[in-house]
Protein backbone atom coordinates (compact mmCIF):
# COMPACT_ATOMS: atom_id res chain seq x y z
CA MET A 1 0.00 0.00 0.00
CA SER A 2 1.43 3.37 -1.00
CA VAL A 3 1.52 6.26 1.47
CA PRO A 4 0.65 9.76 0.15
CA LEU A 5 3.60 12.13 -0.14
CA ASP A 6 1.92 14.75 2.05
CA ALA A 7 1.53 12.15 4.82
CA ASN A 8 5.25 11.37 4.64
CA LEU A 9 6.11 15.05 4.75
CA GLY A 10 3.72 15.59 7.63
CA GLY A 11 5.33 12.76 9.62
CA LEU A 12 8.81 14.14 8.87
CA VAL A 13 7.83 17.65 9.94
CA ALA A 14 6.30 16.26 13.16
CA ALA A 15 9.46 14.29 13.93
CA ILE A 16 11.66 17.36 13.33
CA CYS A 17 9.44 19.50 15.55
CA LEU A 18 9.54 16.86 18.30
CA ALA A 19 13.34 16.60 18.08
CA PHE A 20 13.63 20.40 18.19
CA LEU A 21 11.32 20.57 21.21
CA VAL A 22 13.29 17.88 23.09
CA SER A 23 16.53 19.70 22.25
CA ARG A 24 15.14 22.99 23.54
CA ILE A 25 13.91 21.34 26.75
CA ARG A 26 17.30 19.73 27.33
CA LYS A 27 19.08 22.99 26.57
CA SER A 28 16.84 24.92 28.96
CA THR A 29 17.40 22.27 31.64
CA ARG A 30 21.15 22.60 31.32
CA THR A 31 20.94 26.36 31.74
CA LEU A 32 19.15 26.03 35.07
CA PRO A 33 21.34 26.53 38.14
CA LEU A 34 22.69 23.68 40.19
CA PRO A 35 21.58 23.66 43.83
CA PRO A 36 23.51 26.22 45.92
CA GLY A 37 26.61 25.26 47.85
CA PRO A 38 30.08 26.38 48.92
CA THR A 39 32.41 27.66 46.22
CA PRO A 40 34.73 24.82 45.18
CA ILE A 41 38.49 25.03 44.66
CA PRO A 42 39.33 24.00 41.08
CA PHE A 43 39.79 20.21 40.82
CA ILE A 44 39.94 19.79 44.62
CA GLY A 45 36.31 20.78 45.07
CA ASN A 46 35.05 21.26 48.62
CA VAL A 47 37.17 18.59 50.29
CA ILE A 48 39.16 21.06 52.38
CA GLY A 49 36.02 22.43 53.99
CA LEU A 50 34.80 19.02 55.18
CA LYS A 51 35.20 17.47 58.60
CA PRO A 52 36.64 14.16 57.30
CA ASP A 53 35.37 11.97 60.16
CA THR A 54 31.94 13.61 60.49
CA VAL A 55 31.00 14.84 57.02
CA TRP A 56 27.32 14.83 58.02
CA ILE A 57 27.98 17.68 60.44
CA SER A 58 29.72 19.69 57.71
CA TYR A 59 26.78 19.07 55.37
CA ALA A 60 24.32 20.14 58.08
CA GLU A 61 26.32 23.34 58.69
CA TRP A 62 26.35 24.07 54.97
CA GLY A 63 22.62 23.38 54.90
CA ALA A 64 22.07 26.11 57.48
CA ILE A 65 23.69 28.51 55.01
CA TYR A 66 22.54 27.24 51.61
CA GLY A 67 19.29 25.41 52.30
CA GLU A 68 17.64 21.99 52.27
CA ILE A 69 19.40 20.84 49.10
CA ILE A 70 23.02 21.70 48.34
CA TYR A 71 25.56 20.90 45.65
CA THR A 72 29.17 20.11 46.44
CA THR A 73 32.13 18.31 44.89
CA ALA A 74 34.93 16.11 46.17
CA LEU A 75 37.65 16.07 43.49
CA THR A 76 35.81 14.67 40.45
CA GLN A 77 32.79 13.42 42.38
CA ARG A 78 29.63 15.53 42.10
CA ILE A 79 27.39 15.35 45.16
CA VAL A 80 23.89 16.60 45.96
CA VAL A 81 23.17 16.57 49.69
CA ILE A 82 19.59 16.46 50.93
CA ASN A 83 19.31 18.03 54.37
CA SER A 84 15.58 17.72 54.96
CA GLU A 85 13.03 14.94 55.16
CA ARG A 86 10.70 16.94 52.92
CA VAL A 87 13.11 17.03 49.99
CA ALA A 88 14.17 13.41 50.58
CA ASN A 89 10.54 12.30 50.29
CA ASP A 90 9.99 14.44 47.20
CA LEU A 91 12.98 12.99 45.36
CA LEU A 92 13.85 9.57 46.79
CA GLU A 93 10.26 8.47 47.39
CA LYS A 94 8.07 10.24 44.83
CA ARG A 95 10.69 10.14 42.06
CA SER A 96 12.26 6.82 43.04
CA ARG A 97 12.29 5.69 39.39
CA ILE A 98 15.30 7.91 38.71
CA TYR A 99 16.77 8.19 42.24
CA SER A 100 17.21 4.48 43.07
CA ASP A 101 20.62 3.85 41.57
CA ARG A 102 23.70 3.40 43.75
CA LEU A 103 26.80 5.52 43.53
CA GLN A 104 29.54 3.19 42.29
CA MET A 105 32.35 3.78 44.76
CA ALA A 106 35.74 2.40 43.81
CA LEU A 107 36.68 1.52 47.37
CA VAL A 108 33.56 -0.61 47.78
CA ASP A 109 34.74 -2.75 44.86
CA VAL A 110 38.27 -2.87 46.27
CA PHE A 111 36.84 -4.26 49.52
CA GLY A 112 34.72 -6.89 47.75
CA TRP A 113 31.26 -5.43 48.31
CA GLY A 114 30.51 -4.15 44.81
CA ASN A 115 28.14 -7.00 43.92
CA LEU A 116 26.27 -7.17 47.20
CA THR A 117 22.67 -5.93 47.26
CA SER A 118 23.29 -2.76 49.24
CA SER A 119 25.96 -1.60 46.77
CA MET A 120 24.86 -2.86 43.38
CA PRO A 121 23.35 -0.63 40.67
CA TYR A 122 19.61 -0.34 40.22
CA GLY A 123 18.53 -2.75 37.50
CA PRO A 124 17.43 -6.33 36.72
CA ALA A 125 20.07 -8.01 38.94
CA TRP A 126 19.17 -5.79 41.89
CA ARG A 127 15.47 -6.55 41.40
CA LYS A 128 16.25 -10.28 41.62
CA HIS A 129 17.97 -9.68 44.94
CA ARG A 130 15.02 -7.64 46.17
CA ARG A 131 12.58 -10.44 45.30
CA LEU A 132 14.67 -12.86 47.35
CA TYR A 133 14.44 -10.49 50.31
CA ASN A 134 10.74 -9.81 49.96
CA GLN A 135 9.87 -13.51 50.06
CA VAL A 136 11.23 -13.69 53.62
CA PHE A 137 11.39 -10.15 55.03
CA HIS A 138 8.00 -8.63 54.15
CA ALA A 139 5.94 -7.40 57.10
CA GLN A 140 3.64 -10.43 57.40
CA SER A 141 6.44 -12.97 57.05
CA ALA A 142 8.51 -11.17 59.69
CA LEU A 143 5.84 -12.04 62.29
CA THR A 144 6.80 -15.72 62.09
CA TYR A 145 10.27 -14.96 63.46
CA ARG A 146 9.07 -13.16 66.58
CA PRO A 147 9.07 -16.21 68.91
CA GLU A 148 12.71 -16.86 67.99
CA GLN A 149 13.64 -13.20 68.52
CA LEU A 150 11.94 -13.08 71.90
CA GLN A 151 13.58 -16.30 73.07
CA ARG A 152 16.97 -14.92 72.05
CA ALA A 153 16.24 -11.69 73.95
CA TYR A 154 15.41 -13.72 77.08
CA GLU A 155 18.71 -15.58 76.71
CA MET A 156 20.56 -12.27 76.30
CA VAL A 157 19.29 -10.78 79.58
CA SER A 158 20.06 -14.09 81.33
CA HIS A 159 23.68 -13.83 80.20
CA MET A 160 23.80 -10.17 81.24
CA LEU A 161 22.64 -11.10 84.72
CA VAL A 162 25.57 -13.52 85.12
CA HIS A 163 28.25 -11.59 83.22
CA PRO A 164 27.16 -7.92 83.06
CA LYS A 165 30.59 -6.56 82.14
CA GLU A 166 30.53 -8.54 78.89
CA PHE A 167 27.27 -6.90 77.77
CA GLY A 168 28.80 -5.92 74.44
CA ASP A 169 29.46 -9.56 73.60
CA HIS A 170 25.92 -10.50 74.65
CA LEU A 171 24.46 -7.85 72.34
CA GLU A 172 26.60 -9.07 69.43
CA THR A 173 25.54 -12.66 70.07
CA TYR A 174 21.87 -11.70 70.24
CA ALA A 175 21.88 -9.69 67.00
CA ALA A 176 23.93 -12.30 65.14
CA ALA A 177 21.72 -15.13 66.39
CA VAL A 178 18.58 -13.41 65.07
CA VAL A 179 20.06 -12.69 61.64
CA MET A 180 21.76 -16.07 61.17
CA SER A 181 18.59 -17.90 62.17
CA VAL A 182 16.35 -15.95 59.80
CA VAL A 183 18.75 -15.95 56.86
CA TYR A 184 20.43 -19.36 57.16
CA GLY A 185 18.52 -21.37 59.78
CA TYR A 186 21.81 -21.49 61.67
CA ASP A 187 22.26 -21.57 65.45
CA ILE A 188 25.42 -19.67 66.31
CA GLN A 189 28.04 -20.96 68.71
CA PRO A 190 30.39 -19.10 71.11
CA ASN A 191 33.13 -17.35 69.11
CA ASP A 192 31.32 -18.45 65.98
CA PRO A 193 33.57 -18.31 62.87
CA PHE A 194 30.70 -17.33 60.55
CA VAL A 195 29.80 -14.39 62.79
CA ASP A 196 33.39 -13.25 63.29
CA THR A 197 34.00 -13.32 59.53
CA ALA A 198 30.87 -11.32 58.71
CA ARG A 199 31.53 -8.76 61.45
CA THR A 200 35.09 -8.20 60.22
CA SER A 201 34.00 -7.71 56.61
CA VAL A 202 31.22 -5.28 57.57
CA ASP A 203 33.47 -3.26 59.89
CA MET A 204 36.20 -2.95 57.27
CA VAL A 205 33.99 -1.81 54.40
CA THR A 206 31.90 0.66 56.42
CA SER A 207 35.07 2.42 57.54
CA VAL A 208 35.90 3.43 53.95
CA ALA A 209 32.64 3.38 51.99
CA THR A 210 31.94 7.09 51.72
CA PRO A 211 31.74 9.17 48.53
CA GLU A 212 34.41 11.54 49.81
CA LYS A 213 36.98 8.79 50.41
CA SER A 214 36.13 6.96 47.19
CA ALA A 215 36.48 10.20 45.26
CA ILE A 216 40.23 10.12 45.82
CA VAL A 217 40.53 6.72 44.11
CA SER A 218 38.09 7.74 41.36
CA ALA A 219 40.13 10.89 40.64
CA PHE A 220 43.39 8.93 40.48
CA PRO A 221 42.39 5.45 39.23
CA PHE A 222 46.00 4.57 38.41
CA VAL A 223 46.66 4.10 42.14
CA LEU A 224 44.76 0.81 41.95
CA LYS A 225 47.57 -0.58 39.82
CA LEU A 226 50.44 0.57 42.04
CA PRO A 227 52.39 -1.97 44.16
CA MET A 228 50.83 -2.54 47.59
CA TRP A 229 54.17 -2.03 49.33
CA LEU A 230 54.30 1.66 48.39
CA PRO A 231 53.59 4.21 51.16
CA GLY A 232 49.91 5.18 51.23
CA MET A 233 48.75 1.89 49.66
CA GLY A 234 47.63 0.38 52.94
CA PHE A 235 44.00 0.63 51.82
CA MET A 236 44.75 -1.83 49.00
CA ARG A 237 46.23 -4.32 51.47
CA ASP A 238 43.16 -3.85 53.67
CA GLY A 239 40.98 -4.36 50.61
CA MET A 240 42.67 -7.65 49.79
CA VAL A 241 42.08 -8.87 53.35
CA CYS A 242 38.46 -7.69 53.30
CA ARG A 243 37.79 -9.47 49.98
CA LYS A 244 38.91 -12.72 51.58
CA TYR A 245 36.57 -12.21 54.53
CA THR A 246 33.73 -11.21 52.21
CA ARG A 247 34.11 -14.40 50.13
CA GLU A 248 34.08 -16.47 53.30
CA MET A 249 31.06 -14.52 54.58
CA LEU A 250 29.13 -15.43 51.42
CA ASP A 251 30.35 -18.98 50.85
CA GLY A 252 30.54 -20.55 54.32
CA PRO A 253 26.92 -20.13 55.53
CA TYR A 254 25.57 -20.93 52.04
CA GLU A 255 27.47 -24.21 51.98
CA TYR A 256 26.15 -24.96 55.48
CA VAL A 257 22.56 -24.61 54.20
CA GLN A 258 23.29 -26.80 51.17
CA LYS A 259 24.68 -29.53 53.42
CA SER A 260 21.72 -29.23 55.80
CA LEU A 261 19.28 -29.60 52.91
CA ALA A 262 21.16 -32.64 51.65
CA ASP A 263 21.02 -34.45 55.00
CA GLY A 264 17.46 -33.32 55.83
CA THR A 265 18.30 -31.12 58.84
CA ALA A 266 17.77 -27.67 57.27
CA LYS A 267 15.53 -25.23 59.13
CA PRO A 268 13.26 -22.75 57.31
CA SER A 269 15.29 -19.72 56.24
CA MET A 270 15.78 -17.23 53.45
CA VAL A 271 18.55 -19.26 51.82
CA SER A 272 16.99 -22.72 52.16
CA ASP A 273 13.74 -21.35 50.73
CA ALA A 274 15.59 -19.78 47.77
CA ILE A 275 17.63 -22.91 47.03
CA GLN A 276 14.46 -24.99 46.90
CA ARG A 277 12.31 -22.38 45.16
CA TYR A 278 14.80 -21.99 42.32
CA ARG A 279 15.74 -25.71 42.32
CA ILE A 280 19.44 -24.97 42.57
CA HIS A 281 20.29 -28.68 43.03
CA GLU A 282 18.74 -29.38 39.63
CA THR A 283 19.66 -26.31 37.62
CA GLU A 284 23.05 -25.46 39.17
CA ASP A 285 22.48 -21.93 37.86
CA PRO A 286 25.68 -20.02 38.81
CA GLU A 287 24.02 -16.62 38.39
CA MET A 288 21.20 -17.50 40.78
CA VAL A 289 23.65 -19.03 43.25
CA HIS A 290 25.59 -15.76 43.22
CA ASN A 291 22.36 -13.78 43.69
CA ILE A 292 21.35 -15.88 46.69
CA LYS A 293 24.80 -15.58 48.28
CA ALA A 294 25.11 -11.84 47.68
CA SER A 295 21.61 -10.95 48.89
CA SER A 296 21.81 -13.10 52.02
CA GLY A 297 25.29 -11.88 52.92
CA THR A 298 24.14 -8.27 52.94
CA ALA A 299 21.55 -9.02 55.60
CA TYR A 300 24.20 -9.21 58.31
CA ALA A 301 24.91 -5.50 57.96
CA VAL A 302 21.73 -4.52 59.86
CA GLN A 303 22.95 -2.35 62.76
CA THR A 304 20.82 -3.82 65.54
CA VAL A 305 23.68 -3.90 68.04
CA SER A 306 24.53 -0.24 67.50
CA THR A 307 20.96 0.90 68.07
CA ILE A 308 20.81 -0.97 71.37
CA GLN A 309 24.15 0.54 72.39
CA VAL A 310 22.78 4.03 71.75
CA PHE A 311 19.79 3.12 73.94
CA LEU A 312 22.12 2.11 76.79
CA ILE A 313 24.08 5.37 76.50
CA ALA A 314 20.84 7.37 76.53
CA MET A 315 19.61 5.54 79.62
CA MET A 316 22.85 6.21 81.52
CA GLN A 317 22.61 9.89 80.66
CA ASN A 318 18.85 10.28 81.19
CA PRO A 319 17.78 8.43 84.36
CA GLU A 320 14.41 10.22 84.46
CA VAL A 321 13.53 8.75 81.04
CA GLN A 322 14.55 5.30 82.21
CA LYS A 323 12.45 5.66 85.37
CA ARG A 324 9.33 6.48 83.35
CA ALA A 325 9.98 3.54 81.00
CA HIS A 326 10.40 1.21 83.99
CA ALA A 327 7.08 2.36 85.42
CA GLU A 328 5.26 1.69 82.16
CA VAL A 329 6.79 -1.79 81.74
CA ASP A 330 5.94 -2.70 85.35
CA ALA A 331 2.34 -1.51 84.98
CA VAL A 332 1.77 -3.61 81.86
CA VAL A 333 3.99 -6.66 82.39
CA GLY A 334 4.10 -6.97 86.18
CA ASN A 335 6.63 -9.08 88.08
CA THR A 336 5.52 -12.60 87.21
CA ARG A 337 6.77 -12.82 83.62
CA LEU A 338 8.89 -11.11 80.97
CA PRO A 339 7.48 -8.95 78.14
CA SER A 340 6.13 -10.41 74.90
CA PHE A 341 5.14 -8.83 71.59
CA SER A 342 1.50 -8.81 72.67
CA ASP A 343 2.48 -6.07 75.13
CA ARG A 344 3.84 -3.74 72.48
CA GLN A 345 0.63 -1.81 71.81
CA SER A 346 0.29 -1.16 75.55
CA LEU A 347 3.77 0.36 75.89
CA PRO A 348 3.62 3.68 73.98
CA TYR A 349 6.36 5.35 76.03
CA VAL A 350 8.78 2.48 75.32
CA GLU A 351 7.87 2.78 71.64
CA ALA A 352 8.53 6.53 71.76
CA LEU A 353 11.84 5.84 73.52
CA ILE A 354 12.93 3.53 70.69
CA ARG A 355 11.99 6.12 68.06
CA GLU A 356 13.95 8.75 69.97
CA THR A 357 16.93 6.37 70.13
CA ARG A 358 16.95 6.17 66.33
CA ARG A 359 16.55 9.92 65.95
CA TRP A 360 19.03 10.98 68.63
CA ARG A 361 22.04 9.17 67.18
CA PRO A 362 21.48 7.85 63.60
CA ILE A 363 23.63 4.78 62.94
CA THR A 364 24.13 5.72 59.27
CA PRO A 365 24.21 9.54 59.44
CA ILE A 366 24.50 9.98 55.65
CA GLY A 367 22.54 6.88 54.75
CA VAL A 368 23.84 4.90 51.81
CA PRO A 369 24.34 7.28 48.84
CA HIS A 370 21.91 7.02 45.93
CA ALA A 371 22.62 8.11 42.35
CA THR A 372 20.48 9.54 39.56
CA THR A 373 19.83 7.65 36.32
CA GLU A 374 18.48 10.72 34.47
CA ASP A 375 18.77 14.51 34.56
CA ASP A 376 16.11 16.07 36.76
CA VAL A 377 14.79 19.47 37.78
CA TYR A 378 13.61 20.18 41.31
CA GLU A 379 12.29 23.52 42.52
CA GLY A 380 14.17 25.32 39.75
CA TYR A 381 17.48 23.47 40.29
CA TYR A 382 19.18 21.21 37.80
CA ILE A 383 20.22 17.79 39.18
CA PRO A 384 22.49 16.00 36.70
CA LYS A 385 22.42 12.34 35.75
CA GLY A 386 25.00 10.24 37.63
CA VAL A 387 25.39 12.61 40.56
CA ALA A 388 25.72 11.17 44.07
CA ILE A 389 22.62 11.80 46.20
CA ILE A 390 23.32 11.85 49.94
CA PRO A 391 20.32 11.85 52.30
CA ASN A 392 21.81 13.54 55.36
CA LEU A 393 19.94 11.72 58.12
CA TRP A 394 21.91 13.62 60.73
CA ALA A 395 20.51 16.93 59.47
CA MET A 396 17.00 15.46 59.39
CA SER A 397 17.41 14.31 62.99
CA ARG A 398 18.45 17.86 63.97
CA ASP A 399 15.52 19.63 62.28
CA GLU A 400 14.60 22.05 65.07
CA ALA A 401 11.22 22.83 63.53
CA LYS A 402 10.25 19.18 63.94
CA TYR A 403 12.51 18.21 66.84
CA PRO A 404 13.03 21.17 69.21
CA SER A 405 16.21 20.93 71.32
CA PRO A 406 17.44 18.09 69.09
CA GLU A 407 20.48 17.26 71.24
CA SER A 408 18.18 16.43 74.17
CA PHE A 409 16.88 12.87 74.54
CA ARG A 410 13.12 13.36 74.81
CA PRO A 411 10.87 10.39 73.93
CA GLU A 412 7.76 12.47 74.69
CA ARG A 413 8.31 14.32 71.41
CA PHE A 414 6.72 11.24 69.79
CA LEU A 415 3.65 11.33 72.03
CA GLY A 416 0.58 13.50 71.59
CA PRO A 417 -1.25 15.36 74.38
CA ASP A 418 -3.41 12.24 74.92
CA GLY A 419 -0.36 10.05 75.48
CA ASN A 420 -0.79 8.21 72.21
CA LEU A 421 1.99 7.87 69.66
CA THR A 422 2.27 10.42 66.86
CA ASP A 423 2.50 9.47 63.19
CA ASP A 424 6.25 10.12 63.14
CA THR A 425 7.84 6.64 63.07
CA VAL A 426 11.32 7.93 62.12
CA ALA A 427 10.94 5.84 58.95
CA TRP A 428 13.79 7.81 57.36
CA SER A 429 16.23 5.94 59.61
CA PHE A 430 15.73 2.86 57.37
CA GLY A 431 16.32 4.70 54.08
CA PHE A 432 14.06 5.86 51.27
CA GLY A 433 12.14 4.70 48.24
CA ARG A 434 13.06 1.48 46.50
CA ARG A 435 16.32 1.37 48.46
CA ILE A 436 14.66 1.25 51.87
CA CYS A 437 16.15 -1.45 54.11
CA PRO A 438 14.34 -4.70 53.23
CA GLY A 439 15.09 -6.18 56.66
CA ARG A 440 13.58 -3.26 58.58
CA HIS A 441 10.67 -5.29 60.01
CA ILE A 442 13.02 -7.95 61.39
CA ALA A 443 15.43 -5.29 62.69
CA ASP A 444 12.66 -3.25 64.32
CA ALA A 445 11.29 -6.30 66.15
CA ALA A 446 14.79 -7.36 67.27
CA VAL A 447 15.52 -3.92 68.73
CA TRP A 448 12.16 -3.75 70.50
CA ALA A 449 12.52 -7.22 72.05
CA ALA A 450 16.02 -6.48 73.34
CA ILE A 451 15.20 -3.04 74.78
CA VAL A 452 11.95 -3.99 76.49
CA CYS A 453 13.55 -7.08 78.08
CA ILE A 454 16.52 -5.05 79.33
CA LEU A 455 14.11 -2.50 80.83
CA ALA A 456 12.09 -5.25 82.50
CA VAL A 457 15.10 -6.79 84.22
CA PHE A 458 17.73 -4.08 84.74
CA ARG A 459 18.38 -0.56 85.86
CA ILE A 460 21.12 0.89 83.66
CA GLU A 461 23.59 3.14 85.45
CA LYS A 462 26.87 4.90 84.81
CA PRO A 463 29.92 2.97 85.99
CA GLU A 464 31.67 4.06 89.16
CA GLY A 465 34.65 6.35 88.82
CA PRO A 466 35.43 9.36 86.62
CA GLU A 467 32.89 10.42 84.01
CA GLN A 468 33.58 8.42 80.85
CA GLU A 469 33.68 10.03 77.42
CA ILE A 470 31.70 8.15 74.79
CA LYS A 471 33.70 7.96 71.59
CA TRP A 472 32.49 7.00 68.15
CA LYS A 473 33.89 5.09 65.21
CA THR A 474 33.02 6.92 62.02
CA GLY A 475 32.86 6.22 58.29
CA LEU A 476 29.66 5.26 56.51
CA THR A 477 28.35 4.47 60.00
CA SER A 478 28.71 6.13 63.40
CA LEU A 479 29.17 3.42 66.02
CA ALA A 480 29.91 3.70 69.73
CA LEU A 481 33.35 2.44 70.64
CA PRO A 482 33.47 0.10 73.67
CA PHE A 483 32.16 1.78 76.81
CA LYS A 484 31.34 0.74 80.37
CA CYS A 485 27.83 0.31 81.68
CA SER A 486 26.41 -1.06 84.95
CA PHE A 487 23.41 -3.41 84.92
CA ILE A 488 21.59 -3.50 88.27
CA SER A 489 18.85 -6.12 88.71
CA ARG A 490 15.52 -4.39 89.34
CA LYS A 491 13.88 -7.47 90.83
CA GLU A 492 15.11 -8.07 94.36
CA GLY A 493 16.26 -11.62 94.94
CA VAL A 494 16.18 -12.52 91.26
CA ASP A 495 19.07 -14.80 90.40
CA THR A 496 19.61 -16.96 87.34
CA GLU A 497 17.27 -19.63 88.67
CA LYS A 498 14.45 -17.18 89.38
CA LEU A 499 14.95 -15.48 86.00
CA ALA A 500 14.74 -18.89 84.33
CA GLU A 501 11.38 -19.41 86.06
CA LEU A 502 10.13 -16.06 84.76
CA ILE A 503 11.25 -17.00 81.26
CA ALA A 504 9.55 -20.39 81.53
CA VAL A 505 6.14 -18.82 82.21
CA SER A 506 6.56 -16.12 79.54
CA ASP A 507 4.79 -16.81 76.25
CA THR A 508 7.04 -16.17 73.27
CA SER A 509 4.24 -16.97 70.83
CA ARG A 510 2.19 -13.90 71.79
């Protein structure tokens, strides 16, 4: 069938007009200003003006000058910092289609984490990982793990009663036990090699995985090929060590599940479910095996321990808050049993206390950086494709309009005049949009179980002697370095035998 000449011409004219219009739109976009920010030094950018160990504080200070959204550079790395929850929701939630990529940081690859779920680019492979998570970690499925979490919390306070000075080890064991059970169906042992390996890998990568530090390697990529014995190349030696731990973190527990499935002893878990669902024993699909390993390995990075540590620090420093929480727990739970999840709705002050713990000292103050997959325009500002997007959770936690006197620990800020909880759940502490933490329901329940059981059994006090200074390890995360804390039994005459009796009559299934 022939097409009339005027129809062809009309189609051509329409195509030319469309191309011209797109070109004009793109040109006008490029002429829009970038978000405001400090004036950079050529090539160096704004590195000199940053506090290297607490960049989130620098970004918050710049935000006070330039606004909720700022533009900065670190050598060749372009960065847009979001200093308010409002802007973060507008971009990372409502425009998640183009704000869900991950900034590809050279140091993350050097340390062996480039292909793990939390670091990998947004795309088909990442969506496969997310599906694996959602099958186990969605809100309804997370309920099935509550009895296990509560039992582990009971065990934790029992160990604290006997060996209170080793509370840090008890917290680590508790958090690891919850994660390893859910992900691998694995019961951890004292000084467990799987746990030690995972902890080492996580600690090493979070100490370097920031856009500012990676920018140095990105600006001078040739350093990756220099001999490791040269001065200043220690990070490459650390990277080689971390890669070894990361491989062991992924391979060891996976092989344990495979063996357990083969001999019929496997417990329900994320990995055993995935191996059976995708018939790995039949297909031997190497890509799917890698996806299962990489997605499950990332789950260990949930910072449950650190949140509980912040809670302990807050209780030492705010005895009046602790006293009110004790009163609420006693009124609801009494002295004849330990708390269970059925009590949670009746403990609004404890819930507010946990929200305030997350707000007061965010574990990941700059979140995990996103990246844009397209150019965008927001409130008259041009946001380029491929730019790093940093949600500054620290600045959000210090928003004085929402959180007056932000340095004060005040759980009542999350309670209304009627004593009921407000709608502010501090959801931003788990991330935004399609990159929100998939294990947040498990993590939230684990933190609640630990905190409410500690409150039921102990009074937390400062250690005797000079006032101790709490110090923090920084990087991608802000974690409390080892500190001292006194655990005083609140129940007179309660020893290990009596506590065991209380545990025995407590119902973990509720």
